[in-house]
Amino acid sequence: MEYRRLGKSGLQVSVLSLGSWLTFGKQISDTVAQKLMEMAYEQGVNFFDNAEIYARGESERVMGKILKKMKWDRSSYLVSSKVFFGDGGQKPNQTGLSRKHIFEACDAALKRLNVDYLDLYFCHRPDKNTPISETVWAMNHLIQQGKILYWGTSEWSAQEIMEAHMVAREARLIGPTMEQPQYNMFHRDKVEVEFGQVYKTVGLGTTIWSPLASGVLTNKYLDKFPKDTRLGMEGLEWLKERSLSHERMEKVSKLNQLAGEIGTTMPKLAIAWCLKNPNVSTVILGASKPEHLEETLQSFQELDKLDATILDQIETILDNKPKQPQF
């Protein structure tokens, strides 16, 4: 496994990490979840990603039971949670980024995950109803209390991230260390363009999600729609419709052919492509089957195959390179 610094922080994170969205506590059994975590840990993964909303808290409970059972040295792994959507409650103050919800959500996550502190704590979405200053102060207080070590954002704009840093700088508080954006071959603008200046000014780290575009950047949708996949789950019809367009599948077919030509697979090609971006700290993998994770955990070994010529071929197939702003 390889490791990168999380932005300008001193924290080292494995370039590949394991997430639990849609799988732990929902799509897979606890036994399979344990197998996935053991497999990832044994191969050098040190970051496990979670959130209060995943399976309405059940994902964190499953992960917490596994962490307690494994008895891994606490200094050997990182675990995260995210706050905003709540764990199912819809009453006032059970969602959002108010000081009240942030504090209560953090305590609940610690109990579910069976840990004394969270290594990473993300604001899962921006909250238009709460002043950013209140959120920054709340996160800083959690750091002072030893309940979290680093805080960050997920799906925030560059402007919102910089506003949080301005508040932190003026009040001499700790600003967000990392952002968790979606990033893959089909979703590029935010990571490659919008955050361009943020990397330079505050050293933003990124823990990117959906590197396989919900499984589209594999070969499993090229022939017919398979059973028991993420895009076939009830409630995700919108994701299926958006993801499996004819244009996208034509590109995936060409990418799959290119992957075979250079001696790799489509999933490993897509993940290694994400890792080629030096501003990506870690790629969060999702898996419902051990054999799938076994494959994607080898993706970082494919980096040398993605030389300038291959990257140019990929750009030609994708035909979606974001335009850089003219200064």
C-alpha atoms as a PDB file:
ATOM      1  CA  MET A   1       0.000   0.000   0.000  1.00  0.00           C
ATOM      2  CA  GLU A   2       1.074   3.593  -0.562  1.00  0.00           C
ATOM      3  CA  TYR A   3       0.295   6.513   1.730  1.00  0.00           C
ATOM      4  CA  ARG A   4      -0.196  10.231   1.161  1.00  0.00           C
ATOM      5  CA  ARG A   5      -0.455  13.230   3.457  1.00  0.00           C
ATOM      6  CA  LEU A   6      -3.996  14.476   3.990  1.00  0.00           C
ATOM      7  CA  GLY A   7      -3.514  17.901   2.423  1.00  0.00           C
ATOM      8  CA  LYS A   8      -0.990  19.951   4.391  1.00  0.00           C
ATOM      9  CA  SER A   9      -1.669  18.033   7.597  1.00  0.00           C
ATOM     10  CA  GLY A  10       0.775  15.575   9.109  1.00  0.00           C
ATOM     11  CA  LEU A  11      -1.738  12.729   8.847  1.00  0.00           C
ATOM     12  CA  GLN A  12      -0.868   9.857   6.519  1.00  0.00           C
ATOM     13  CA  VAL A  13      -3.741   8.075   4.815  1.00  0.00           C
ATOM     14  CA  SER A  14      -3.631   5.004   2.587  1.00  0.00           C
ATOM     15  CA  VAL A  15      -4.229   5.914  -1.056  1.00  0.00           C
ATOM     16  CA  LEU A  16      -7.066   3.381  -1.044  1.00  0.00           C
ATOM     17  CA  SER A  17      -9.646   3.339   1.748  1.00  0.00           C
ATOM     18  CA  LEU A  18     -12.909   1.517   2.465  1.00  0.00           C
ATOM     19  CA  GLY A  19     -16.339   3.131   2.658  1.00  0.00           C
ATOM     20  CA  SER A  20     -19.620   1.741   3.943  1.00  0.00           C
ATOM     21  CA  TRP A  21     -22.292   3.730   2.072  1.00  0.00           C
ATOM     22  CA  LEU A  22     -25.181   1.518   0.839  1.00  0.00           C
ATOM     23  CA  THR A  23     -23.397  -1.672   1.955  1.00  0.00           C
ATOM     24  CA  PHE A  24     -22.814  -1.953   5.716  1.00  0.00           C
ATOM     25  CA  GLY A  25     -26.042  -2.509   7.607  1.00  0.00           C
ATOM     26  CA  LYS A  26     -28.059  -2.623   4.396  1.00  0.00           C
ATOM     27  CA  GLN A  27     -26.863  -4.447   1.270  1.00  0.00           C
ATOM     28  CA  ILE A  28     -24.477  -6.940   2.859  1.00  0.00           C
ATOM     29  CA  SER A  29     -24.399  -9.128   5.958  1.00  0.00           C
ATOM     30  CA  ASP A  30     -22.292  -8.279   8.996  1.00  0.00           C
ATOM     31  CA  THR A  31     -20.121 -11.298   8.206  1.00  0.00           C
ATOM     32  CA  VAL A  32     -19.300  -9.974   4.749  1.00  0.00           C
ATOM     33  CA  ALA A  33     -18.681  -6.501   6.193  1.00  0.00           C
ATOM     34  CA  GLN A  34     -16.132  -7.976   8.590  1.00  0.00           C
ATOM     35  CA  LYS A  35     -14.450  -9.894   5.781  1.00  0.00           C
ATOM     36  CA  LEU A  36     -14.137  -6.693   3.740  1.00  0.00           C
ATOM     37  CA  MET A  37     -12.624  -4.732   6.619  1.00  0.00           C
ATOM     38  CA  GLU A  38     -10.192  -7.516   7.488  1.00  0.00           C
ATOM     39  CA  MET A  39      -9.118  -7.838   3.868  1.00  0.00           C
ATOM     40  CA  ALA A  40      -8.609  -4.079   3.519  1.00  0.00           C
ATOM     41  CA  TYR A  41      -6.694  -3.751   6.801  1.00  0.00           C
ATOM     42  CA  GLU A  42      -4.424  -6.701   6.029  1.00  0.00           C
ATOM     43  CA  GLN A  43      -3.496  -5.092   2.703  1.00  0.00           C
ATOM     44  CA  GLY A  44      -2.548  -1.771   4.264  1.00  0.00           C
ATOM     45  CA  VAL A  45      -5.784   0.237   4.238  1.00  0.00           C
ATOM     46  CA  ASN A  46      -5.832   2.496   7.299  1.00  0.00           C
ATOM     47  CA  PHE A  47      -8.969   4.601   6.681  1.00  0.00           C
ATOM     48  CA  PHE A  48     -12.573   3.437   7.102  1.00  0.00           C
ATOM     49  CA  ASP A  49     -15.250   5.942   6.115  1.00  0.00           C
ATOM     50  CA  ASN A  50     -18.744   6.205   7.584  1.00  0.00           C
ATOM     51  CA  ALA A  51     -21.583   8.665   8.312  1.00  0.00           C
ATOM     52  CA  GLU A  52     -24.523   9.075  10.671  1.00  0.00           C
ATOM     53  CA  ILE A  53     -27.034   8.796   7.790  1.00  0.00           C
ATOM     54  CA  TYR A  54     -25.662   5.542   6.333  1.00  0.00           C
ATOM     55  CA  ALA A  55     -28.378   2.956   6.980  1.00  0.00           C
ATOM     56  CA  ARG A  56     -29.654   5.459   9.569  1.00  0.00           C
ATOM     57  CA  GLY A  57     -26.839   4.710  11.990  1.00  0.00           C
ATOM     58  CA  GLU A  58     -26.762   0.964  11.419  1.00  0.00           C
ATOM     59  CA  SER A  59     -23.664   1.229   9.207  1.00  0.00           C
ATOM     60  CA  GLU A  60     -21.715   2.763  12.091  1.00  0.00           C
ATOM     61  CA  ARG A  61     -23.013   0.155  14.529  1.00  0.00           C
ATOM     62  CA  VAL A  62     -21.862  -2.657  12.244  1.00  0.00           C
ATOM     63  CA  MET A  63     -18.443  -1.080  11.774  1.00  0.00           C
ATOM     64  CA  GLY A  64     -18.162  -0.420  15.510  1.00  0.00           C
ATOM     65  CA  LYS A  65     -18.826  -4.066  16.364  1.00  0.00           C
ATOM     66  CA  ILE A  66     -16.155  -5.142  13.896  1.00  0.00           C
ATOM     67  CA  LEU A  67     -13.590  -2.668  15.258  1.00  0.00           C
ATOM     68  CA  LYS A  68     -14.270  -3.896  18.796  1.00  0.00           C
ATOM     69  CA  LYS A  69     -13.961  -7.537  17.742  1.00  0.00           C
ATOM     70  CA  MET A  70     -10.766  -7.070  15.718  1.00  0.00           C
ATOM     71  CA  LYS A  71      -8.973  -5.258  18.562  1.00  0.00           C
ATOM     72  CA  TRP A  72      -6.651  -3.513  16.126  1.00  0.00           C
ATOM     73  CA  ASP A  73      -4.265  -1.007  17.682  1.00  0.00           C
ATOM     74  CA  ARG A  74      -6.189   2.290  17.670  1.00  0.00           C
ATOM     75  CA  SER A  75      -3.135   4.109  16.340  1.00  0.00           C
ATOM     76  CA  SER A  76      -3.097   1.863  13.254  1.00  0.00           C
ATOM     77  CA  TYR A  77      -6.355   3.004  11.638  1.00  0.00           C
ATOM     78  CA  LEU A  78      -8.473   6.074  10.943  1.00  0.00           C
ATOM     79  CA  VAL A  79     -12.252   6.145  11.205  1.00  0.00           C
ATOM     80  CA  SER A  80     -14.625   8.899  10.165  1.00  0.00           C
ATOM     81  CA  SER A  81     -18.197  10.006  10.536  1.00  0.00           C
ATOM     82  CA  LYS A  82     -20.218  12.759   8.889  1.00  0.00           C
ATOM     83  CA  VAL A  83     -22.827  15.112  10.288  1.00  0.00           C
ATOM     84  CA  PHE A  84     -25.752  16.840   8.582  1.00  0.00           C
ATOM     85  CA  PHE A  85     -28.523  14.453   7.530  1.00  0.00           C
ATOM     86  CA  GLY A  86     -29.055  12.899  10.962  1.00  0.00           C
ATOM     87  CA  ASP A  87     -29.682   9.220  11.645  1.00  0.00           C
ATOM     88  CA  GLY A  88     -33.350   9.227  10.740  1.00  0.00           C
ATOM     89  CA  GLY A  89     -34.943  11.804  13.014  1.00  0.00           C
ATOM     90  CA  GLN A  90     -36.765  14.640  11.274  1.00  0.00           C
ATOM     91  CA  LYS A  91     -37.574  16.938  14.178  1.00  0.00           C
ATOM     92  CA  PRO A  92     -35.947  20.366  14.525  1.00  0.00           C
ATOM     93  CA  ASN A  93     -32.260  20.157  15.513  1.00  0.00           C
ATOM     94  CA  GLN A  94     -31.945  16.479  14.509  1.00  0.00           C
ATOM     95  CA  THR A  95     -30.293  17.486  11.229  1.00  0.00           C
ATOM     96  CA  GLY A  96     -28.051  20.295   9.984  1.00  0.00           C
ATOM     97  CA  LEU A  97     -24.845  21.866  11.241  1.00  0.00           C
ATOM     98  CA  SER A  98     -25.997  23.702  14.356  1.00  0.00           C
ATOM     99  CA  ARG A  99     -23.752  23.440  17.414  1.00  0.00           C
ATOM    100  CA  LYS A 100     -26.427  21.294  19.094  1.00  0.00           C
ATOM    101  CA  HIS A 101     -26.701  18.737  16.305  1.00  0.00           C
ATOM    102  CA  ILE A 102     -22.943  18.609  15.705  1.00  0.00           C
ATOM    103  CA  PHE A 103     -22.258  17.855  19.381  1.00  0.00           C
ATOM    104  CA  GLU A 104     -25.052  15.302  19.753  1.00  0.00           C
ATOM    105  CA  ALA A 105     -24.279  13.608  16.431  1.00  0.00           C
ATOM    106  CA  CYS A 106     -20.606  13.281  17.358  1.00  0.00           C
ATOM    107  CA  ASP A 107     -21.425  11.643  20.691  1.00  0.00           C
ATOM    108  CA  ALA A 108     -23.840   9.251  18.969  1.00  0.00           C
ATOM    109  CA  ALA A 109     -21.257   8.324  16.329  1.00  0.00           C
ATOM    110  CA  LEU A 110     -18.617   7.625  18.990  1.00  0.00           C
ATOM    111  CA  LYS A 111     -20.994   5.229  20.749  1.00  0.00           C
ATOM    112  CA  ARG A 112     -22.007   3.447  17.547  1.00  0.00           C
ATOM    113  CA  LEU A 113     -18.411   3.108  16.341  1.00  0.00           C
ATOM    114  CA  ASN A 114     -17.062   2.003  19.745  1.00  0.00           C
ATOM    115  CA  VAL A 115     -14.218   4.537  19.684  1.00  0.00           C
ATOM    116  CA  ASP A 116     -13.114   7.322  22.027  1.00  0.00           C
ATOM    117  CA  TYR A 117     -12.489   9.792  19.206  1.00  0.00           C
ATOM    118  CA  LEU A 118     -13.028  10.234  15.467  1.00  0.00           C
ATOM    119  CA  ASP A 119      -9.950  10.777  13.342  1.00  0.00           C
ATOM    120  CA  LEU A 120     -11.943  12.622  10.679  1.00  0.00           C
ATOM    121  CA  TYR A 121     -15.306  14.362  11.063  1.00  0.00           C
ATOM    122  CA  PHE A 122     -17.033  15.755   7.984  1.00  0.00           C
ATOM    123  CA  CYS A 123     -19.808  18.302   7.521  1.00  0.00           C
ATOM    124  CA  HIS A 124     -21.742  16.139   5.072  1.00  0.00           C
ATOM    125  CA  ARG A 125     -23.312  19.068   3.210  1.00  0.00           C
ATOM    126  CA  PRO A 126     -23.298  22.857   3.647  1.00  0.00           C
ATOM    127  CA  ASP A 127     -26.088  24.166   5.879  1.00  0.00           C
ATOM    128  CA  LYS A 128     -27.667  27.349   4.510  1.00  0.00           C
ATOM    129  CA  ASN A 129     -29.609  27.820   7.764  1.00  0.00           C
ATOM    130  CA  THR A 130     -26.590  27.870  10.080  1.00  0.00           C
ATOM    131  CA  PRO A 131     -23.841  30.514  10.077  1.00  0.00           C
ATOM    132  CA  ILE A 132     -20.534  29.009   9.010  1.00  0.00           C
ATOM    133  CA  SER A 133     -18.981  30.654  12.071  1.00  0.00           C
ATOM    134  CA  GLU A 134     -21.187  28.541  14.359  1.00  0.00           C
ATOM    135  CA  THR A 135     -20.121  25.364  12.576  1.00  0.00           C
ATOM    136  CA  VAL A 136     -16.426  26.279  12.662  1.00  0.00           C
ATOM    137  CA  TRP A 137     -16.579  27.063  16.392  1.00  0.00           C
ATOM    138  CA  ALA A 138     -18.424  23.792  17.097  1.00  0.00           C
ATOM    139  CA  MET A 139     -15.835  21.730  15.228  1.00  0.00           C
ATOM    140  CA  ASN A 140     -13.006  23.539  16.996  1.00  0.00           C
ATOM    141  CA  HIS A 141     -14.603  22.792  20.365  1.00  0.00           C
ATOM    142  CA  LEU A 142     -14.791  19.077  19.484  1.00  0.00           C
ATOM    143  CA  ILE A 143     -11.088  19.121  18.658  1.00  0.00           C
ATOM    144  CA  GLN A 144     -10.327  20.816  21.988  1.00  0.00           C
ATOM    145  CA  GLN A 145     -12.409  18.178  23.779  1.00  0.00           C
ATOM    146  CA  GLY A 146     -10.423  15.401  22.080  1.00  0.00           C
ATOM    147  CA  LYS A 147     -13.504  13.939  20.395  1.00  0.00           C
ATOM    148  CA  ILE A 148     -12.237  14.570  16.859  1.00  0.00           C
ATOM    149  CA  LEU A 149      -8.749  15.109  15.453  1.00  0.00           C
ATOM    150  CA  TYR A 150      -9.461  16.689  12.055  1.00  0.00           C
ATOM    151  CA  TRP A 151     -12.611  18.154  10.582  1.00  0.00           C
ATOM    152  CA  GLY A 152     -13.599  18.666   7.000  1.00  0.00           C
ATOM    153  CA  THR A 153     -16.414  19.052   4.525  1.00  0.00           C
ATOM    154  CA  SER A 154     -18.223  16.988   1.920  1.00  0.00           C
ATOM    155  CA  GLU A 155     -19.719  18.412  -1.261  1.00  0.00           C
ATOM    156  CA  TRP A 156     -19.020  21.997  -0.223  1.00  0.00           C
ATOM    157  CA  SER A 157     -18.106  24.615  -2.797  1.00  0.00           C
ATOM    158  CA  ALA A 158     -14.671  26.204  -2.893  1.00  0.00           C
ATOM    159  CA  GLN A 159     -16.252  29.477  -1.764  1.00  0.00           C
ATOM    160  CA  GLU A 160     -17.833  27.831   1.287  1.00  0.00           C
ATOM    161  CA  ILE A 161     -14.593  26.093   2.217  1.00  0.00           C
ATOM    162  CA  MET A 162     -12.651  29.348   1.968  1.00  0.00           C
ATOM    163  CA  GLU A 163     -15.283  31.161   4.036  1.00  0.00           C
ATOM    164  CA  ALA A 164     -14.795  28.559   6.775  1.00  0.00           C
ATOM    165  CA  HIS A 165     -11.053  29.150   6.630  1.00  0.00           C
ATOM    166  CA  MET A 166     -11.537  32.912   6.837  1.00  0.00           C
ATOM    167  CA  VAL A 167     -13.668  32.509   9.966  1.00  0.00           C
ATOM    168  CA  ALA A 168     -11.083  30.166  11.467  1.00  0.00           C
ATOM    169  CA  ARG A 169      -8.181  32.458  10.658  1.00  0.00           C
ATOM    170  CA  GLU A 170      -9.852  35.548  12.125  1.00  0.00           C
ATOM    171  CA  ALA A 171     -10.776  33.722  15.354  1.00  0.00           C
ATOM    172  CA  ARG A 172      -7.531  31.697  15.485  1.00  0.00           C
ATOM    173  CA  LEU A 173      -9.416  28.426  15.178  1.00  0.00           C
ATOM    174  CA  ILE A 174      -8.695  25.269  13.182  1.00  0.00           C
ATOM    175  CA  GLY A 175     -10.215  25.281   9.702  1.00  0.00           C
ATOM    176  CA  PRO A 176     -11.273  22.282   7.587  1.00  0.00           C
ATOM    177  CA  THR A 177      -8.424  19.964   6.635  1.00  0.00           C
ATOM    178  CA  MET A 178     -10.161  17.908   3.965  1.00  0.00           C
ATOM    179  CA  GLU A 179     -13.094  17.735   1.566  1.00  0.00           C
ATOM    180  CA  GLN A 180     -14.927  14.608   0.388  1.00  0.00           C
ATOM    181  CA  PRO A 181     -16.135  15.240  -3.165  1.00  0.00           C
ATOM    182  CA  GLN A 182     -17.359  12.891  -5.845  1.00  0.00           C
ATOM    183  CA  TYR A 183     -14.612  12.314  -8.399  1.00  0.00           C
ATOM    184  CA  ASN A 184     -14.373   9.939 -11.326  1.00  0.00           C
ATOM    185  CA  MET A 185     -13.879   9.946 -15.087  1.00  0.00           C
ATOM    186  CA  PHE A 186     -17.364  11.382 -15.593  1.00  0.00           C
ATOM    187  CA  HIS A 187     -17.385  13.852 -12.679  1.00  0.00           C
ATOM    188  CA  ARG A 188     -14.318  16.061 -12.822  1.00  0.00           C
ATOM    189  CA  ASP A 189     -14.937  19.809 -12.612  1.00  0.00           C
ATOM    190  CA  LYS A 190     -14.955  20.342  -8.849  1.00  0.00           C
ATOM    191  CA  VAL A 191     -11.746  18.421  -8.103  1.00  0.00           C
ATOM    192  CA  GLU A 192      -9.825  19.469 -11.203  1.00  0.00           C
ATOM    193  CA  VAL A 193     -10.955  23.094 -11.590  1.00  0.00           C
ATOM    194  CA  GLU A 194     -13.046  24.570  -8.779  1.00  0.00           C
ATOM    195  CA  PHE A 195     -10.664  23.542  -5.991  1.00  0.00           C
ATOM    196  CA  GLY A 196      -7.541  24.566  -7.930  1.00  0.00           C
ATOM    197  CA  GLN A 197      -6.770  27.636  -5.844  1.00  0.00           C
ATOM    198  CA  VAL A 198      -7.900  26.001  -2.585  1.00  0.00           C
ATOM    199  CA  TYR A 199      -5.166  23.355  -2.876  1.00  0.00           C
ATOM    200  CA  LYS A 200      -2.596  26.145  -3.203  1.00  0.00           C
ATOM    201  CA  THR A 201      -3.898  28.466  -0.488  1.00  0.00           C
ATOM    202  CA  VAL A 202      -4.931  26.125   2.355  1.00  0.00           C
ATOM    203  CA  GLY A 203      -3.544  22.759   1.262  1.00  0.00           C
ATOM    204  CA  LEU A 204      -6.883  20.967   1.048  1.00  0.00           C
ATOM    205  CA  GLY A 205      -6.824  17.170   1.299  1.00  0.00           C
ATOM    206  CA  THR A 206      -9.430  15.095  -0.561  1.00  0.00           C
ATOM    207  CA  THR A 207     -11.043  11.752   0.277  1.00  0.00           C
ATOM    208  CA  ILE A 208     -12.856  11.168  -2.987  1.00  0.00           C
ATOM    209  CA  TRP A 209     -15.929   8.946  -3.369  1.00  0.00           C
ATOM    210  CA  SER A 210     -17.571   7.084  -6.273  1.00  0.00           C
ATOM    211  CA  PRO A 211     -14.382   6.431  -8.304  1.00  0.00           C
ATOM    212  CA  LEU A 212     -16.310   3.832 -10.330  1.00  0.00           C
ATOM    213  CA  ALA A 213     -19.338   6.102 -10.850  1.00  0.00           C
ATOM    214  CA  SER A 214     -21.624   3.725  -8.899  1.00  0.00           C
ATOM    215  CA  GLY A 215     -20.243   0.729 -10.768  1.00  0.00           C
ATOM    216  CA  VAL A 216     -20.670   2.168 -14.265  1.00  0.00           C
ATOM    217  CA  LEU A 217     -16.896   2.251 -14.761  1.00  0.00           C
ATOM    218  CA  THR A 218     -16.720  -1.542 -14.720  1.00  0.00           C
ATOM    219  CA  ASN A 219     -17.698  -4.061 -17.361  1.00  0.00           C
ATOM    220  CA  LYS A 220     -20.768  -5.412 -15.530  1.00  0.00           C
ATOM    221  CA  TYR A 221     -23.256  -3.134 -17.303  1.00  0.00           C
ATOM    222  CA  LEU A 222     -21.871  -3.585 -20.818  1.00  0.00           C
ATOM    223  CA  ASP A 223     -24.017  -6.574 -21.788  1.00  0.00           C
ATOM    224  CA  LYS A 224     -27.179  -6.717 -19.688  1.00  0.00           C
ATOM    225  CA  PHE A 225     -28.328  -5.293 -16.377  1.00  0.00           C
ATOM    226  CA  PRO A 226     -27.140  -7.656 -13.609  1.00  0.00           C
ATOM    227  CA  LYS A 227     -28.961  -8.551 -10.412  1.00  0.00           C
ATOM    228  CA  ASP A 228     -27.999  -7.435  -6.889  1.00  0.00           C
ATOM    229  CA  THR A 229     -26.171  -4.266  -7.912  1.00  0.00           C
ATOM    230  CA  ARG A 230     -26.195  -0.788  -6.434  1.00  0.00           C
ATOM    231  CA  LEU A 231     -28.058   0.697  -9.392  1.00  0.00           C
ATOM    232  CA  GLY A 232     -30.769  -1.917  -8.958  1.00  0.00           C
ATOM    233  CA  MET A 233     -31.514  -1.001  -5.350  1.00  0.00           C
ATOM    234  CA  GLU A 234     -34.944   0.333  -4.477  1.00  0.00           C
ATOM    235  CA  GLY A 235     -34.954   4.101  -4.188  1.00  0.00           C
ATOM    236  CA  LEU A 236     -31.973   4.594  -6.503  1.00  0.00           C
ATOM    237  CA  GLU A 237     -33.893   4.659  -9.777  1.00  0.00           C
ATOM    238  CA  TRP A 238     -32.721   8.241 -10.312  1.00  0.00           C
ATOM    239  CA  LEU A 239     -29.106   7.106 -10.089  1.00  0.00           C
ATOM    240  CA  LYS A 240     -29.657   4.295 -12.579  1.00  0.00           C
ATOM    241  CA  GLU A 241     -31.287   6.617 -15.115  1.00  0.00           C
ATOM    242  CA  ARG A 242     -28.527   9.213 -14.794  1.00  0.00           C
ATOM    243  CA  SER A 243     -25.659   6.746 -14.845  1.00  0.00           C
ATOM    244  CA  LEU A 244     -26.439   4.348 -17.680  1.00  0.00           C
ATOM    245  CA  SER A 245     -26.836   6.703 -20.630  1.00  0.00           C
ATOM    246  CA  HIS A 246     -25.995   5.397 -24.108  1.00  0.00           C
ATOM    247  CA  GLU A 247     -23.155   7.908 -24.479  1.00  0.00           C
ATOM    248  CA  ARG A 248     -21.544   6.848 -21.225  1.00  0.00           C
ATOM    249  CA  MET A 249     -21.767   3.156 -21.983  1.00  0.00           C
ATOM    250  CA  GLU A 250     -20.081   3.669 -25.354  1.00  0.00           C
ATOM    251  CA  LYS A 251     -17.178   5.342 -23.567  1.00  0.00           C
ATOM    252  CA  VAL A 252     -17.025   2.588 -20.962  1.00  0.00           C
ATOM    253  CA  SER A 253     -16.827  -0.009 -23.746  1.00  0.00           C
ATOM    254  CA  LYS A 254     -13.826   1.766 -25.289  1.00  0.00           C
ATOM    255  CA  LEU A 255     -12.166   2.228 -21.894  1.00  0.00           C
ATOM    256  CA  ASN A 256     -12.702  -1.448 -21.112  1.00  0.00           C
ATOM    257  CA  GLN A 257     -10.964  -2.361 -24.371  1.00  0.00           C
ATOM    258  CA  LEU A 258      -8.050  -0.044 -23.534  1.00  0.00           C
ATOM    259  CA  ALA A 259      -7.744  -1.582 -20.072  1.00  0.00           C
ATOM    260  CA  GLY A 260      -7.390  -5.025 -21.631  1.00  0.00           C
ATOM    261  CA  GLU A 261      -4.748  -3.771 -24.041  1.00  0.00           C
ATOM    262  CA  ILE A 262      -2.512  -2.530 -21.210  1.00  0.00           C
ATOM    263  CA  GLY A 263      -3.034  -5.630 -19.082  1.00  0.00           C
ATOM    264  CA  THR A 264      -5.426  -4.391 -16.437  1.00  0.00           C
ATOM    265  CA  THR A 265      -9.169  -4.278 -15.766  1.00  0.00           C
ATOM    266  CA  MET A 266     -11.716  -1.505 -16.133  1.00  0.00           C
ATOM    267  CA  PRO A 267     -12.196  -0.946 -12.370  1.00  0.00           C
ATOM    268  CA  LYS A 268      -8.448  -0.811 -11.699  1.00  0.00           C
ATOM    269  CA  LEU A 269      -7.952   1.555 -14.630  1.00  0.00           C
ATOM    270  CA  ALA A 270     -10.655   3.923 -13.357  1.00  0.00           C
ATOM    271  CA  ILE A 271      -9.303   3.974  -9.797  1.00  0.00           C
ATOM    272  CA  ALA A 272      -5.676   4.354 -10.860  1.00  0.00           C
ATOM    273  CA  TRP A 273      -6.769   7.265 -13.079  1.00  0.00           C
ATOM    274  CA  CYS A 274      -8.173   9.006  -9.991  1.00  0.00           C
ATOM    275  CA  LEU A 275      -4.928   8.364  -8.105  1.00  0.00           C
ATOM    276  CA  LYS A 276      -2.944   9.982 -10.909  1.00  0.00           C
ATOM    277  CA  ASN A 277      -4.328  13.295  -9.660  1.00  0.00           C
ATOM    278  CA  PRO A 278      -1.805  14.493  -7.037  1.00  0.00           C
ATOM    279  CA  ASN A 279      -4.566  16.393  -5.213  1.00  0.00           C
ATOM    280  CA  VAL A 280      -6.361  13.135  -4.388  1.00  0.00           C
ATOM    281  CA  SER A 281      -5.308  12.019  -0.912  1.00  0.00           C
ATOM    282  CA  THR A 282      -7.271   8.766  -0.904  1.00  0.00           C
ATOM    283  CA  VAL A 283      -9.825   6.966  -3.058  1.00  0.00           C
ATOM    284  CA  ILE A 284     -12.717   5.485  -1.063  1.00  0.00           C
ATOM    285  CA  LEU A 285     -13.605   2.022  -2.324  1.00  0.00           C
ATOM    286  CA  GLY A 286     -17.005   0.448  -1.914  1.00  0.00           C
ATOM    287  CA  ALA A 287     -17.672  -3.262  -2.278  1.00  0.00           C
ATOM    288  CA  SER A 288     -20.410  -5.770  -1.621  1.00  0.00           C
ATOM    289  CA  LYS A 289     -18.311  -8.850  -2.398  1.00  0.00           C
ATOM    290  CA  PRO A 290     -14.781  -9.783  -1.213  1.00  0.00           C
ATOM    291  CA  GLU A 291     -13.659 -10.666  -4.738  1.00  0.00           C
ATOM    292  CA  HIS A 292     -14.530  -7.167  -5.944  1.00  0.00           C
ATOM    293  CA  LEU A 293     -12.519  -5.544  -3.161  1.00  0.00           C
ATOM    294  CA  GLU A 294      -9.641  -7.940  -3.769  1.00  0.00           C
ATOM    295  CA  GLU A 295      -9.459  -6.613  -7.327  1.00  0.00           C
ATOM    296  CA  THR A 296      -9.764  -2.905  -6.599  1.00  0.00           C
ATOM    297  CA  LEU A 297      -7.246  -3.014  -3.729  1.00  0.00           C
ATOM    298  CA  GLN A 298      -4.588  -3.683  -6.355  1.00  0.00           C
ATOM    299  CA  SER A 299      -5.397  -0.519  -8.308  1.00  0.00           C
ATOM    300  CA  PHE A 300      -2.474   1.558  -7.025  1.00  0.00           C
ATOM    301  CA  GLN A 301      -0.110  -0.991  -8.585  1.00  0.00           C
ATOM    302  CA  GLU A 302      -1.367   0.053 -12.026  1.00  0.00           C
ATOM    303  CA  LEU A 303      -0.169   3.664 -11.771  1.00  0.00           C
ATOM    304  CA  ASP A 304       2.973   3.073 -13.837  1.00  0.00           C
ATOM    305  CA  LYS A 305       0.863   1.788 -16.738  1.00  0.00           C
ATOM    306  CA  LEU A 306      -0.883   5.143 -17.001  1.00  0.00           C
ATOM    307  CA  ASP A 307       1.888   7.028 -18.777  1.00  0.00           C
ATOM    308  CA  ALA A 308       1.351  10.189 -20.824  1.00  0.00           C
ATOM    309  CA  THR A 309       0.371   8.229 -23.938  1.00  0.00           C
ATOM    310  CA  ILE A 310      -2.285   6.166 -22.142  1.00  0.00           C
ATOM    311  CA  LEU A 311      -3.623   9.239 -20.340  1.00  0.00           C
ATOM    312  CA  ASP A 312      -3.991  10.994 -23.684  1.00  0.00           C
ATOM    313  CA  GLN A 313      -5.910   8.015 -25.062  1.00  0.00           C
ATOM    314  CA  ILE A 314      -8.213   8.116 -22.053  1.00  0.00           C
ATOM    315  CA  GLU A 315      -8.811  11.845 -22.559  1.00  0.00           C
ATOM    316  CA  THR A 316      -9.688  11.221 -26.210  1.00  0.00           C
ATOM    317  CA  ILE A 317     -12.253   8.592 -25.231  1.00  0.00           C
ATOM    318  CA  LEU A 318     -13.761  10.645 -22.409  1.00  0.00           C
ATOM    319  CA  ASP A 319     -13.817  13.910 -24.373  1.00  0.00           C
ATOM    320  CA  ASN A 320     -14.784  15.807 -21.206  1.00  0.00           C
ATOM    321  CA  LYS A 321     -11.583  17.484 -19.978  1.00  0.00           C
ATOM    322  CA  PRO A 322     -12.648  20.460 -17.834  1.00  0.00           C
ATOM    323  CA  LYS A 323     -11.618  23.880 -19.096  1.00  0.00           C
ATOM    324  CA  GLN A 324      -9.205  25.684 -16.817  1.00  0.00           C
ATOM    325  CA  PRO A 325     -10.039  29.323 -16.060  1.00  0.00           C
ATOM    326  CA  GLN A 326      -8.045  31.988 -17.855  1.00  0.00           C
ATOM    327  CA  PHE A 327      -6.311  34.389 -15.489  1.00  0.00           C
END
